Amino acid sequence: MATRVRTRTLAHLDKLLAISALAAACHPVDPGYGVVDPIPDPALDAPPPTAIPPGPPGTPSTIPEATGGTTVPTTPPQPPPDLGYGVVDPMPPPADCTLFSRAIYAYATFEGGALHVTVSAQARYRETSLDARQPSVAHAVVTEASVTSQTWTLALMPEAPARSLTFVATGVCGGAPAKATVQVSWDRLEKDAPIRAQVIEEPN
């Protein structure tokens, strides 16, 4: 009788153990920790880079690498050498005067009932000037005159029915005496009417 009870108890324990093992297989116990990567990442485990204050200008600086505390010395780029500021003359030097008719120019207008003629020496020619004396004008009466070594300004009353007048401009071209003929012509003497003025070379 005792043997039969013992056998039945063992059989009942075996069944409980089998049920417990099946329950454990279906519901694994959480060990309480996550999965650990067996291979560590150096970039993630490395300490953060240390900030380095900038040094005085011209001294080498160090830049920490992203993967560790090792620093790589670097040299800042050097500025280009100071060449200074050169003075550039925007105006070319005066040219030699070879033709007096090119070194002076003339233009004319009609205003206030008078013909105004201006003759000027161009500054871009070396040693060029006009004689500072009033010229004699053919077929016209000089009513006003302003004469300098650089500009002649004449107010003229032409003789009717003349349609042109001439006078000789004298001066210096390239350091030598020179002269040229100034010729003024028109179709009608009216305000805003076209008036032609030209300079013709004269042999010395």
N, C-alpha and C. Protein backbone atom coordinates (compact mmCIF):
# COMPACT_ATOMS: atom_id res chain seq x y z
N MET A 1 0.84 -1.19 0.00
CA MET A 1 0.00 0.00 0.00
C MET A 1 0.87 1.23 0.00
N ALA A 2 1.87 1.29 0.82
CA ALA A 2 2.81 2.42 0.90
C ALA A 2 3.55 2.59 -0.39
N THR A 3 3.88 1.52 -1.05
CA THR A 3 4.61 1.59 -2.34
C THR A 3 3.76 2.23 -3.39
N ARG A 4 2.48 1.88 -3.41
CA ARG A 4 1.59 2.45 -4.43
C ARG A 4 1.46 3.96 -4.23
N VAL A 5 1.34 4.47 -3.03
CA VAL A 5 1.21 5.91 -2.77
C VAL A 5 2.48 6.64 -3.18
N ARG A 6 3.60 6.04 -2.89
CA ARG A 6 4.87 6.68 -3.26
C ARG A 6 5.01 6.79 -4.76
N THR A 7 4.61 5.74 -5.46
CA THR A 7 4.70 5.76 -6.93
C THR A 7 3.80 6.84 -7.51
N ARG A 8 2.59 6.94 -6.95
CA ARG A 8 1.65 7.95 -7.45
C ARG A 8 2.19 9.35 -7.18
N THR A 9 2.83 9.60 -6.06
CA THR A 9 3.38 10.94 -5.72
C THR A 9 4.51 11.32 -6.66
N LEU A 10 5.38 10.34 -6.96
CA LEU A 10 6.48 10.64 -7.89
C LEU A 10 5.97 10.98 -9.28
N ALA A 11 4.94 10.21 -9.69
CA ALA A 11 4.37 10.49 -11.02
C ALA A 11 3.77 11.88 -11.06
N HIS A 12 3.13 12.29 -9.97
CA HIS A 12 2.53 13.62 -9.93
C HIS A 12 3.62 14.71 -9.95
N LEU A 13 4.76 14.49 -9.26
CA LEU A 13 5.86 15.46 -9.28
C LEU A 13 6.48 15.58 -10.67
N ASP A 14 6.62 14.40 -11.33
CA ASP A 14 7.18 14.46 -12.70
C ASP A 14 6.29 15.30 -13.61
N LYS A 15 4.96 15.17 -13.45
CA LYS A 15 4.03 15.92 -14.30
C LYS A 15 4.15 17.41 -14.00
N LEU A 16 4.31 17.77 -12.72
CA LEU A 16 4.46 19.20 -12.37
C LEU A 16 5.75 19.77 -12.93
N LEU A 17 6.81 18.97 -12.87
CA LEU A 17 8.08 19.44 -13.44
C LEU A 17 8.00 19.65 -14.95
N ALA A 18 7.30 18.74 -15.62
CA ALA A 18 7.15 18.85 -17.08
C ALA A 18 6.35 20.09 -17.43
N ILE A 19 5.28 20.37 -16.64
CA ILE A 19 4.46 21.57 -16.91
C ILE A 19 5.27 22.83 -16.66
N SER A 20 6.09 22.82 -15.58
CA SER A 20 6.92 24.00 -15.29
C SER A 20 7.95 24.25 -16.40
N ALA A 21 8.57 23.15 -16.92
CA ALA A 21 9.54 23.31 -17.99
C ALA A 21 8.89 23.84 -19.25
N LEU A 22 7.67 23.37 -19.57
CA LEU A 22 6.96 23.85 -20.75
C LEU A 22 6.60 25.32 -20.61
N ALA A 23 6.18 25.72 -19.39
CA ALA A 23 5.83 27.14 -19.16
C ALA A 23 7.06 28.03 -19.28
N ALA A 24 8.20 27.55 -18.80
CA ALA A 24 9.43 28.35 -18.91
C ALA A 24 9.87 28.50 -20.35
N ALA A 25 9.66 27.44 -21.15
CA ALA A 25 10.04 27.51 -22.57
C ALA A 25 9.17 28.50 -23.32
N CYS A 26 7.88 28.56 -22.98
CA CYS A 26 6.96 29.47 -23.67
C CYS A 26 7.11 30.90 -23.19
N HIS A 27 7.49 31.16 -21.95
CA HIS A 27 7.64 32.52 -21.41
C HIS A 27 9.01 32.65 -20.77
N PRO A 28 10.05 33.01 -21.60
CA PRO A 28 11.40 33.14 -21.03
C PRO A 28 11.44 34.30 -20.06
N VAL A 29 12.26 34.14 -19.07
CA VAL A 29 12.40 35.16 -18.03
C VAL A 29 13.36 36.24 -18.52
N ASP A 30 12.91 37.52 -18.36
CA ASP A 30 13.76 38.66 -18.74
C ASP A 30 14.90 38.77 -17.74
N PRO A 31 16.12 38.62 -18.19
CA PRO A 31 17.24 38.69 -17.24
C PRO A 31 17.45 40.07 -16.66
N GLY A 32 16.81 41.15 -17.27
CA GLY A 32 16.97 42.49 -16.71
C GLY A 32 18.11 43.28 -17.31
N TYR A 33 18.73 42.83 -18.36
CA TYR A 33 19.79 43.59 -19.01
C TYR A 33 19.64 43.42 -20.52
N GLY A 34 20.16 44.44 -21.29
CA GLY A 34 20.04 44.42 -22.75
C GLY A 34 21.15 43.62 -23.39
N VAL A 35 21.06 43.57 -24.70
CA VAL A 35 22.07 42.84 -25.47
C VAL A 35 23.31 43.71 -25.57
N VAL A 36 24.45 43.20 -25.25
CA VAL A 36 25.71 43.94 -25.26
C VAL A 36 26.48 43.57 -26.51
N ASP A 37 26.90 44.66 -27.27
CA ASP A 37 27.70 44.42 -28.47
C ASP A 37 29.08 43.98 -28.04
N PRO A 38 29.48 42.79 -28.46
CA PRO A 38 30.80 42.32 -28.00
C PRO A 38 31.95 43.13 -28.56
N ILE A 39 31.70 43.92 -29.68
CA ILE A 39 32.79 44.70 -30.30
C ILE A 39 32.53 46.17 -30.01
N PRO A 40 33.26 46.83 -29.14
CA PRO A 40 33.00 48.26 -28.84
C PRO A 40 33.39 49.15 -30.02
N ASP A 41 32.71 50.31 -30.12
CA ASP A 41 33.00 51.30 -31.17
C ASP A 41 33.92 52.36 -30.57
N PRO A 42 35.18 52.46 -31.06
CA PRO A 42 36.10 53.46 -30.48
C PRO A 42 35.58 54.88 -30.60
N ALA A 43 34.86 55.15 -31.71
CA ALA A 43 34.37 56.53 -31.90
C ALA A 43 33.35 56.90 -30.86
N LEU A 44 32.54 55.91 -30.39
CA LEU A 44 31.51 56.20 -29.39
C LEU A 44 32.09 56.20 -27.99
N ASP A 45 33.13 55.38 -27.77
CA ASP A 45 33.71 55.29 -26.44
C ASP A 45 34.76 56.35 -26.17
N ALA A 46 35.19 57.09 -27.26
CA ALA A 46 36.27 58.07 -27.08
C ALA A 46 35.77 59.26 -26.28
N PRO A 47 36.61 59.86 -25.48
CA PRO A 47 36.20 61.06 -24.72
C PRO A 47 36.00 62.24 -25.66
N PRO A 48 35.19 63.21 -25.28
CA PRO A 48 34.98 64.38 -26.15
C PRO A 48 36.26 65.17 -26.31
N PRO A 49 36.42 65.84 -27.49
CA PRO A 49 37.65 66.62 -27.71
C PRO A 49 37.73 67.79 -26.75
N THR A 50 38.96 68.13 -26.41
CA THR A 50 39.21 69.23 -25.48
C THR A 50 39.39 70.52 -26.26
N ALA A 51 38.62 71.55 -25.89
CA ALA A 51 38.72 72.84 -26.58
C ALA A 51 40.04 73.51 -26.23
N ILE A 52 40.73 74.03 -27.25
CA ILE A 52 42.03 74.67 -27.05
C ILE A 52 41.87 76.14 -27.37
N PRO A 53 42.15 77.04 -26.45
CA PRO A 53 42.00 78.47 -26.74
C PRO A 53 42.97 78.91 -27.82
N PRO A 54 42.53 79.87 -28.68
CA PRO A 54 43.45 80.34 -29.75
C PRO A 54 44.65 81.06 -29.19
N GLY A 55 45.77 80.87 -29.83
CA GLY A 55 47.00 81.53 -29.41
C GLY A 55 47.17 82.86 -30.12
N PRO A 56 48.27 83.53 -29.90
CA PRO A 56 48.52 84.82 -30.59
C PRO A 56 48.65 84.60 -32.09
N PRO A 57 48.41 85.67 -32.91
CA PRO A 57 48.51 85.52 -34.37
C PRO A 57 49.88 85.03 -34.79
N GLY A 58 49.89 84.11 -35.75
CA GLY A 58 51.14 83.59 -36.29
C GLY A 58 51.67 82.37 -35.61
N THR A 59 51.08 81.95 -34.49
CA THR A 59 51.54 80.75 -33.79
C THR A 59 50.77 79.55 -34.29
N PRO A 60 51.43 78.36 -34.35
CA PRO A 60 50.72 77.16 -34.83
C PRO A 60 49.59 76.80 -33.88
N SER A 61 48.51 76.29 -34.44
CA SER A 61 47.36 75.85 -33.65
C SER A 61 47.23 74.35 -33.77
N THR A 62 46.53 73.73 -32.83
CA THR A 62 46.30 72.30 -32.85
C THR A 62 44.83 72.04 -32.97
N ILE A 63 44.47 71.06 -33.78
CA ILE A 63 43.08 70.68 -34.00
C ILE A 63 42.92 69.25 -33.52
N PRO A 64 42.08 68.98 -32.50
CA PRO A 64 41.92 67.60 -32.01
C PRO A 64 41.19 66.75 -33.03
N GLU A 65 41.66 65.50 -33.13
CA GLU A 65 41.01 64.56 -34.03
C GLU A 65 39.68 64.13 -33.45
N ALA A 66 38.76 63.72 -34.33
CA ALA A 66 37.42 63.34 -33.89
C ALA A 66 37.43 61.97 -33.22
N THR A 67 38.44 61.15 -33.49
CA THR A 67 38.42 59.77 -33.00
C THR A 67 39.28 59.59 -31.76
N GLY A 68 39.83 60.64 -31.20
CA GLY A 68 40.66 60.46 -30.01
C GLY A 68 41.20 61.77 -29.53
N GLY A 69 42.04 61.72 -28.55
CA GLY A 69 42.59 62.92 -27.97
C GLY A 69 43.85 63.39 -28.66
N THR A 70 44.33 62.70 -29.70
CA THR A 70 45.57 63.09 -30.36
C THR A 70 45.33 64.36 -31.15
N THR A 71 46.23 65.31 -31.07
CA THR A 71 46.11 66.56 -31.80
C THR A 71 47.11 66.60 -32.94
N VAL A 72 46.69 67.25 -34.05
CA VAL A 72 47.54 67.38 -35.23
C VAL A 72 47.92 68.84 -35.37
N PRO A 73 49.20 69.19 -35.31
CA PRO A 73 49.60 70.60 -35.44
C PRO A 73 49.35 71.10 -36.85
N THR A 74 48.79 72.28 -36.95
CA THR A 74 48.56 72.91 -38.25
C THR A 74 49.11 74.31 -38.21
N THR A 75 49.56 74.82 -39.35
CA THR A 75 50.11 76.17 -39.47
C THR A 75 49.15 77.02 -40.27
N PRO A 76 48.71 78.17 -39.75
CA PRO A 76 47.78 79.01 -40.52
C PRO A 76 48.44 79.52 -41.79
N PRO A 77 47.65 79.78 -42.84
CA PRO A 77 48.23 80.29 -44.10
C PRO A 77 48.86 81.65 -43.89
N GLN A 78 50.00 81.83 -44.52
CA GLN A 78 50.72 83.08 -44.38
C GLN A 78 50.16 84.11 -45.36
N PRO A 79 49.97 85.37 -44.93
CA PRO A 79 49.47 86.40 -45.86
C PRO A 79 50.51 86.71 -46.92
N PRO A 80 50.06 87.18 -48.11
CA PRO A 80 51.03 87.53 -49.16
C PRO A 80 51.90 88.69 -48.72
N PRO A 81 53.09 88.80 -49.25
CA PRO A 81 53.98 89.91 -48.87
C PRO A 81 53.39 91.25 -49.26
N ASP A 82 53.59 92.23 -48.41
CA ASP A 82 53.08 93.58 -48.67
C ASP A 82 53.99 94.25 -49.68
N LEU A 83 53.44 94.50 -50.88
CA LEU A 83 54.23 95.12 -51.93
C LEU A 83 54.13 96.64 -51.89
N GLY A 84 53.30 97.15 -50.97
CA GLY A 84 53.15 98.60 -50.89
C GLY A 84 52.19 99.10 -51.97
N TYR A 85 52.00 100.37 -52.02
CA TYR A 85 51.11 100.99 -53.00
C TYR A 85 51.95 101.82 -53.97
N GLY A 86 51.87 101.44 -55.22
CA GLY A 86 52.56 102.21 -56.24
C GLY A 86 51.70 103.37 -56.71
N VAL A 87 52.30 104.48 -56.98
CA VAL A 87 51.59 105.66 -57.47
C VAL A 87 51.51 105.56 -58.99
N VAL A 88 50.29 105.49 -59.52
CA VAL A 88 50.08 105.39 -60.95
C VAL A 88 49.56 106.72 -61.46
N ASP A 89 50.23 107.30 -62.41
CA ASP A 89 49.79 108.57 -62.98
C ASP A 89 48.69 108.28 -63.99
N PRO A 90 47.46 108.74 -63.74
CA PRO A 90 46.38 108.43 -64.68
C PRO A 90 46.51 109.17 -66.00
N MET A 91 47.32 110.23 -66.02
CA MET A 91 47.48 111.01 -67.25
C MET A 91 48.82 110.66 -67.90
N PRO A 92 48.82 110.35 -69.19
CA PRO A 92 50.09 110.07 -69.87
C PRO A 92 50.91 111.35 -70.01
N PRO A 93 52.20 111.21 -70.18
CA PRO A 93 53.02 112.41 -70.35
C PRO A 93 52.68 113.12 -71.65
N PRO A 94 52.90 114.43 -71.70
CA PRO A 94 52.58 115.16 -72.94
C PRO A 94 53.36 114.62 -74.13
N ALA A 95 52.71 114.66 -75.27
CA ALA A 95 53.35 114.20 -76.50
C ALA A 95 54.14 115.35 -77.13
N ASP A 96 55.08 114.97 -77.98
CA ASP A 96 55.84 115.99 -78.70
C ASP A 96 54.94 116.66 -79.73
N CYS A 97 55.07 117.97 -79.84
CA CYS A 97 54.29 118.72 -80.82
C CYS A 97 55.04 118.71 -82.15
N THR A 98 54.43 118.09 -83.15
CA THR A 98 55.04 118.05 -84.49
C THR A 98 54.28 118.92 -85.48
N LEU A 99 52.96 119.09 -85.26
CA LEU A 99 52.15 119.95 -86.13
C LEU A 99 51.35 120.90 -85.25
N PHE A 100 51.53 122.19 -85.48
CA PHE A 100 50.83 123.19 -84.67
C PHE A 100 49.31 123.12 -84.90
N SER A 101 48.90 122.73 -86.10
CA SER A 101 47.47 122.66 -86.41
C SER A 101 46.77 121.54 -85.63
N ARG A 102 47.53 120.54 -85.18
CA ARG A 102 46.95 119.47 -84.36
C ARG A 102 47.06 119.78 -82.86
N ALA A 103 47.99 120.66 -82.51
CA ALA A 103 48.19 120.97 -81.10
C ALA A 103 47.23 122.05 -80.61
N ILE A 104 46.53 122.72 -81.53
CA ILE A 104 45.52 123.70 -81.13
C ILE A 104 44.20 123.31 -81.79
N TYR A 105 43.10 123.78 -81.25
CA TYR A 105 41.79 123.52 -81.85
C TYR A 105 40.94 124.78 -81.74
N ALA A 106 39.93 124.88 -82.61
CA ALA A 106 39.07 126.06 -82.66
C ALA A 106 37.62 125.64 -82.78
N TYR A 107 36.73 126.42 -82.19
CA TYR A 107 35.29 126.23 -82.36
C TYR A 107 34.61 127.59 -82.31
N ALA A 108 33.41 127.68 -82.87
CA ALA A 108 32.72 128.97 -82.99
C ALA A 108 31.24 128.80 -82.73
N THR A 109 30.60 129.85 -82.16
CA THR A 109 29.15 129.90 -81.94
C THR A 109 28.67 131.32 -82.25
N PHE A 110 27.39 131.44 -82.50
CA PHE A 110 26.78 132.75 -82.74
C PHE A 110 25.81 133.03 -81.61
N GLU A 111 26.12 134.06 -80.82
CA GLU A 111 25.28 134.42 -79.68
C GLU A 111 25.28 135.94 -79.51
N GLY A 112 24.12 136.47 -79.15
CA GLY A 112 24.02 137.90 -78.86
C GLY A 112 24.38 138.79 -80.03
N GLY A 113 24.14 138.33 -81.23
CA GLY A 113 24.42 139.13 -82.41
C GLY A 113 25.88 139.17 -82.80
N ALA A 114 26.73 138.33 -82.19
CA ALA A 114 28.16 138.32 -82.50
C ALA A 114 28.63 136.90 -82.72
N LEU A 115 29.68 136.77 -83.49
CA LEU A 115 30.31 135.48 -83.74
C LEU A 115 31.45 135.31 -82.74
N HIS A 116 31.34 134.28 -81.90
CA HIS A 116 32.34 134.03 -80.87
C HIS A 116 33.24 132.88 -81.31
N VAL A 117 34.53 133.15 -81.39
CA VAL A 117 35.50 132.15 -81.84
C VAL A 117 36.50 131.93 -80.70
N THR A 118 36.77 130.67 -80.40
CA THR A 118 37.71 130.30 -79.34
C THR A 118 38.80 129.43 -79.94
N VAL A 119 40.04 129.77 -79.65
CA VAL A 119 41.20 128.96 -80.07
C VAL A 119 41.96 128.59 -78.80
N SER A 120 42.27 127.29 -78.63
CA SER A 120 42.95 126.82 -77.41
C SER A 120 44.10 125.91 -77.77
N ALA A 121 45.15 125.99 -76.96
CA ALA A 121 46.28 125.06 -77.09
C ALA A 121 45.99 123.83 -76.23
N GLN A 122 46.19 122.64 -76.79
CA GLN A 122 45.90 121.40 -76.07
C GLN A 122 47.06 121.07 -75.12
N ALA A 123 46.69 120.81 -73.86
CA ALA A 123 47.71 120.56 -72.84
C ALA A 123 48.43 119.23 -73.05
N ARG A 124 47.85 118.35 -73.88
CA ARG A 124 48.49 117.04 -74.03
C ARG A 124 49.71 117.08 -74.96
N TYR A 125 50.03 118.25 -75.49
CA TYR A 125 51.23 118.39 -76.31
C TYR A 125 52.27 119.20 -75.55
N ARG A 126 53.50 118.73 -75.59
CA ARG A 126 54.59 119.35 -74.84
C ARG A 126 55.04 120.64 -75.52
N GLU A 127 55.29 121.68 -74.67
CA GLU A 127 55.84 122.95 -75.12
C GLU A 127 55.01 123.55 -76.27
N THR A 128 53.70 123.64 -76.03
CA THR A 128 52.79 124.22 -77.01
C THR A 128 52.03 125.37 -76.37
N SER A 129 52.00 126.53 -77.02
CA SER A 129 51.30 127.69 -76.49
C SER A 129 50.96 128.64 -77.63
N LEU A 130 50.11 129.61 -77.32
CA LEU A 130 49.73 130.65 -78.26
C LEU A 130 50.44 131.95 -77.89
N ASP A 131 50.62 132.79 -78.88
CA ASP A 131 51.17 134.12 -78.60
C ASP A 131 50.09 134.96 -77.92
N ALA A 132 50.46 135.65 -76.86
CA ALA A 132 49.49 136.43 -76.10
C ALA A 132 49.32 137.82 -76.73
N ARG A 133 48.91 137.84 -77.97
CA ARG A 133 48.59 139.11 -78.63
C ARG A 133 47.41 138.89 -79.57
N GLN A 134 46.62 139.94 -79.72
CA GLN A 134 45.38 139.84 -80.50
C GLN A 134 45.71 139.70 -81.98
N PRO A 135 45.06 138.70 -82.65
CA PRO A 135 45.33 138.53 -84.08
C PRO A 135 44.53 139.53 -84.93
N SER A 136 44.94 139.64 -86.16
CA SER A 136 44.22 140.46 -87.13
C SER A 136 43.29 139.54 -87.90
N VAL A 137 41.99 139.88 -87.97
CA VAL A 137 40.98 139.02 -88.57
C VAL A 137 40.49 139.67 -89.86
N ALA A 138 40.51 138.88 -90.93
CA ALA A 138 40.03 139.39 -92.22
C ALA A 138 38.52 139.26 -92.31
N HIS A 139 37.87 140.25 -92.92
CA HIS A 139 36.43 140.29 -93.19
C HIS A 139 35.61 140.31 -91.90
N ALA A 140 36.14 140.86 -90.82
CA ALA A 140 35.38 140.97 -89.57
C ALA A 140 36.01 142.03 -88.68
N VAL A 141 35.18 142.58 -87.78
CA VAL A 141 35.64 143.55 -86.81
C VAL A 141 35.66 142.88 -85.44
N VAL A 142 36.81 143.00 -84.74
CA VAL A 142 36.93 142.42 -83.41
C VAL A 142 36.30 143.39 -82.40
N THR A 143 35.21 142.97 -81.76
CA THR A 143 34.54 143.82 -80.77
C THR A 143 35.01 143.53 -79.35
N GLU A 144 35.40 142.29 -79.06
CA GLU A 144 35.94 141.92 -77.76
C GLU A 144 37.03 140.88 -77.97
N ALA A 145 38.01 140.86 -77.08
CA ALA A 145 39.09 139.88 -77.20
C ALA A 145 39.67 139.59 -75.83
N SER A 146 39.91 138.30 -75.56
CA SER A 146 40.63 137.84 -74.37
C SER A 146 41.71 136.89 -74.86
N VAL A 147 42.97 137.32 -74.72
CA VAL A 147 44.07 136.58 -75.33
C VAL A 147 45.06 136.19 -74.24
N THR A 148 45.31 134.87 -74.10
CA THR A 148 46.33 134.35 -73.19
C THR A 148 47.20 133.37 -73.96
N SER A 149 48.20 132.82 -73.27
CA SER A 149 49.09 131.84 -73.92
C SER A 149 48.41 130.49 -74.13
N GLN A 150 47.24 130.30 -73.55
CA GLN A 150 46.54 129.03 -73.70
C GLN A 150 45.24 129.16 -74.49
N THR A 151 44.57 130.29 -74.42
CA THR A 151 43.26 130.42 -75.07
C THR A 151 43.09 131.82 -75.64
N TRP A 152 42.53 131.86 -76.86
CA TRP A 152 42.06 133.10 -77.46
C TRP A 152 40.54 133.03 -77.51
N THR A 153 39.89 134.10 -77.05
CA THR A 153 38.44 134.20 -77.16
C THR A 153 38.12 135.53 -77.84
N LEU A 154 37.50 135.44 -79.01
CA LEU A 154 37.24 136.63 -79.82
C LEU A 154 35.75 136.76 -80.08
N ALA A 155 35.22 138.01 -79.99
CA ALA A 155 33.85 138.32 -80.41
C ALA A 155 33.97 139.16 -81.68
N LEU A 156 33.37 138.66 -82.77
CA LEU A 156 33.56 139.26 -84.09
C LEU A 156 32.23 139.68 -84.70
N MET A 157 32.30 140.73 -85.51
CA MET A 157 31.16 141.16 -86.33
C MET A 157 31.57 141.00 -87.79
N PRO A 158 31.18 139.90 -88.43
CA PRO A 158 31.59 139.69 -89.82
C PRO A 158 31.00 140.75 -90.75
N GLU A 159 31.74 141.00 -91.83
CA GLU A 159 31.26 141.93 -92.85
C GLU A 159 30.24 141.21 -93.74
N ALA A 160 29.11 141.87 -94.02
CA ALA A 160 28.12 141.30 -94.93
C ALA A 160 28.62 141.53 -96.36
N PRO A 161 28.34 140.64 -97.30
CA PRO A 161 27.64 139.35 -97.10
C PRO A 161 28.60 138.18 -96.93
N ALA A 162 29.70 138.38 -96.21
CA ALA A 162 30.71 137.33 -96.06
C ALA A 162 30.13 136.11 -95.36
N ARG A 163 30.60 134.95 -95.79
CA ARG A 163 30.19 133.69 -95.16
C ARG A 163 31.39 132.93 -94.59
N SER A 164 32.51 133.62 -94.48
CA SER A 164 33.69 133.01 -93.89
C SER A 164 34.65 134.11 -93.46
N LEU A 165 35.56 133.74 -92.59
CA LEU A 165 36.62 134.65 -92.18
C LEU A 165 37.84 133.81 -91.80
N THR A 166 39.00 134.42 -91.85
CA THR A 166 40.24 133.72 -91.50
C THR A 166 41.12 134.64 -90.68
N PHE A 167 41.97 134.02 -89.87
CA PHE A 167 43.03 134.74 -89.18
C PHE A 167 44.13 133.75 -88.85
N VAL A 168 45.32 134.26 -88.57
CA VAL A 168 46.49 133.43 -88.33
C VAL A 168 46.73 133.34 -86.82
N ALA A 169 46.84 132.10 -86.35
CA ALA A 169 47.19 131.85 -84.95
C ALA A 169 48.68 131.57 -84.90
N THR A 170 49.37 132.30 -84.05
CA THR A 170 50.82 132.12 -83.91
C THR A 170 51.12 131.65 -82.49
N GLY A 171 52.21 130.94 -82.37
CA GLY A 171 52.59 130.44 -81.05
C GLY A 171 53.84 129.62 -81.10
N VAL A 172 53.92 128.62 -80.20
CA VAL A 172 55.09 127.75 -80.08
C VAL A 172 54.63 126.31 -80.17
N CYS A 173 55.35 125.50 -80.95
CA CYS A 173 55.07 124.06 -81.08
C CYS A 173 56.36 123.31 -80.84
N GLY A 174 56.42 122.56 -79.75
CA GLY A 174 57.62 121.80 -79.43
C GLY A 174 58.81 122.69 -79.17
N GLY A 175 58.56 123.90 -78.65
CA GLY A 175 59.66 124.81 -78.35
C GLY A 175 60.08 125.67 -79.52
N ALA A 176 59.48 125.48 -80.70
CA ALA A 176 59.84 126.26 -81.88
C ALA A 176 58.66 127.13 -82.32
N PRO A 177 58.93 128.30 -82.89
CA PRO A 177 57.84 129.16 -83.37
C PRO A 177 57.00 128.44 -84.43
N ALA A 178 55.69 128.66 -84.37
CA ALA A 178 54.79 127.98 -85.32
C ALA A 178 53.60 128.88 -85.59
N LYS A 179 52.88 128.58 -86.66
CA LYS A 179 51.66 129.32 -86.98
C LYS A 179 50.72 128.42 -87.76
N ALA A 180 49.45 128.77 -87.69
CA ALA A 180 48.42 128.02 -88.40
C ALA A 180 47.28 128.98 -88.72
N THR A 181 46.52 128.66 -89.76
CA THR A 181 45.39 129.49 -90.17
C THR A 181 44.11 128.92 -89.58
N VAL A 182 43.32 129.80 -88.96
CA VAL A 182 42.02 129.43 -88.42
C VAL A 182 40.97 129.95 -89.40
N GLN A 183 40.17 129.05 -89.91
CA GLN A 183 39.14 129.41 -90.89
C GLN A 183 37.77 129.08 -90.30
N VAL A 184 36.84 130.05 -90.35
CA VAL A 184 35.48 129.89 -89.83
C VAL A 184 34.52 130.19 -90.97
N SER A 185 33.54 129.28 -91.16
CA SER A 185 32.57 129.46 -92.25
C SER A 185 31.18 129.10 -91.76
N TRP A 186 30.17 129.60 -92.43
CA TRP A 186 28.77 129.39 -92.04
C TRP A 186 27.86 129.58 -93.24
N ASP A 187 26.66 129.08 -93.15
CA ASP A 187 25.63 129.30 -94.16
C ASP A 187 24.75 130.48 -93.79
N ARG A 188 24.45 130.62 -92.51
CA ARG A 188 23.68 131.76 -92.00
C ARG A 188 24.08 131.97 -90.55
N LEU A 189 24.10 133.22 -90.16
CA LEU A 189 24.47 133.55 -88.79
C LEU A 189 23.20 133.67 -87.96
N GLU A 190 22.83 132.57 -87.33
CA GLU A 190 21.69 132.51 -86.45
C GLU A 190 22.06 131.65 -85.25
N LYS A 191 21.32 131.86 -84.15
CA LYS A 191 21.57 131.05 -82.98
C LYS A 191 21.25 129.59 -83.27
N ASP A 192 22.09 128.70 -82.85
CA ASP A 192 21.98 127.25 -83.03
C ASP A 192 22.21 126.82 -84.47
N ALA A 193 22.58 127.76 -85.36
CA ALA A 193 22.91 127.38 -86.73
C ALA A 193 24.32 126.78 -86.75
N PRO A 194 24.57 125.77 -87.59
CA PRO A 194 25.91 125.15 -87.63
C PRO A 194 26.96 126.12 -88.15
N ILE A 195 28.06 126.18 -87.40
CA ILE A 195 29.20 127.01 -87.78
C ILE A 195 30.44 126.14 -87.76
N ARG A 196 31.20 126.18 -88.85
CA ARG A 196 32.36 125.31 -88.99
C ARG A 196 33.64 126.09 -88.68
N ALA A 197 34.52 125.44 -87.90
CA ALA A 197 35.82 126.04 -87.57
C ALA A 197 36.89 124.98 -87.74
N GLN A 198 37.96 125.33 -88.43
CA GLN A 198 39.05 124.39 -88.64
C GLN A 198 40.38 125.11 -88.61
N VAL A 199 41.43 124.33 -88.34
CA VAL A 199 42.78 124.87 -88.25
C VAL A 199 43.61 124.24 -89.37
N ILE A 200 44.26 125.08 -90.16
CA ILE A 200 45.05 124.64 -91.31
C ILE A 200 46.51 124.98 -91.04
N GLU A 201 47.38 124.01 -91.27
CA GLU A 201 48.81 124.21 -91.00
C GLU A 201 49.41 125.22 -91.99
N GLU A 202 50.30 126.04 -91.45
CA GLU A 202 51.01 127.02 -92.26
C GLU A 202 52.50 126.72 -92.20
N PRO A 203 53.20 126.73 -93.30
CA PRO A 203 54.65 126.54 -93.24
C PRO A 203 55.31 127.71 -92.56
N ASN A 204 56.38 127.42 -91.82
CA ASN A 204 57.09 128.49 -91.10
C ASN A 204 57.97 129.25 -92.08
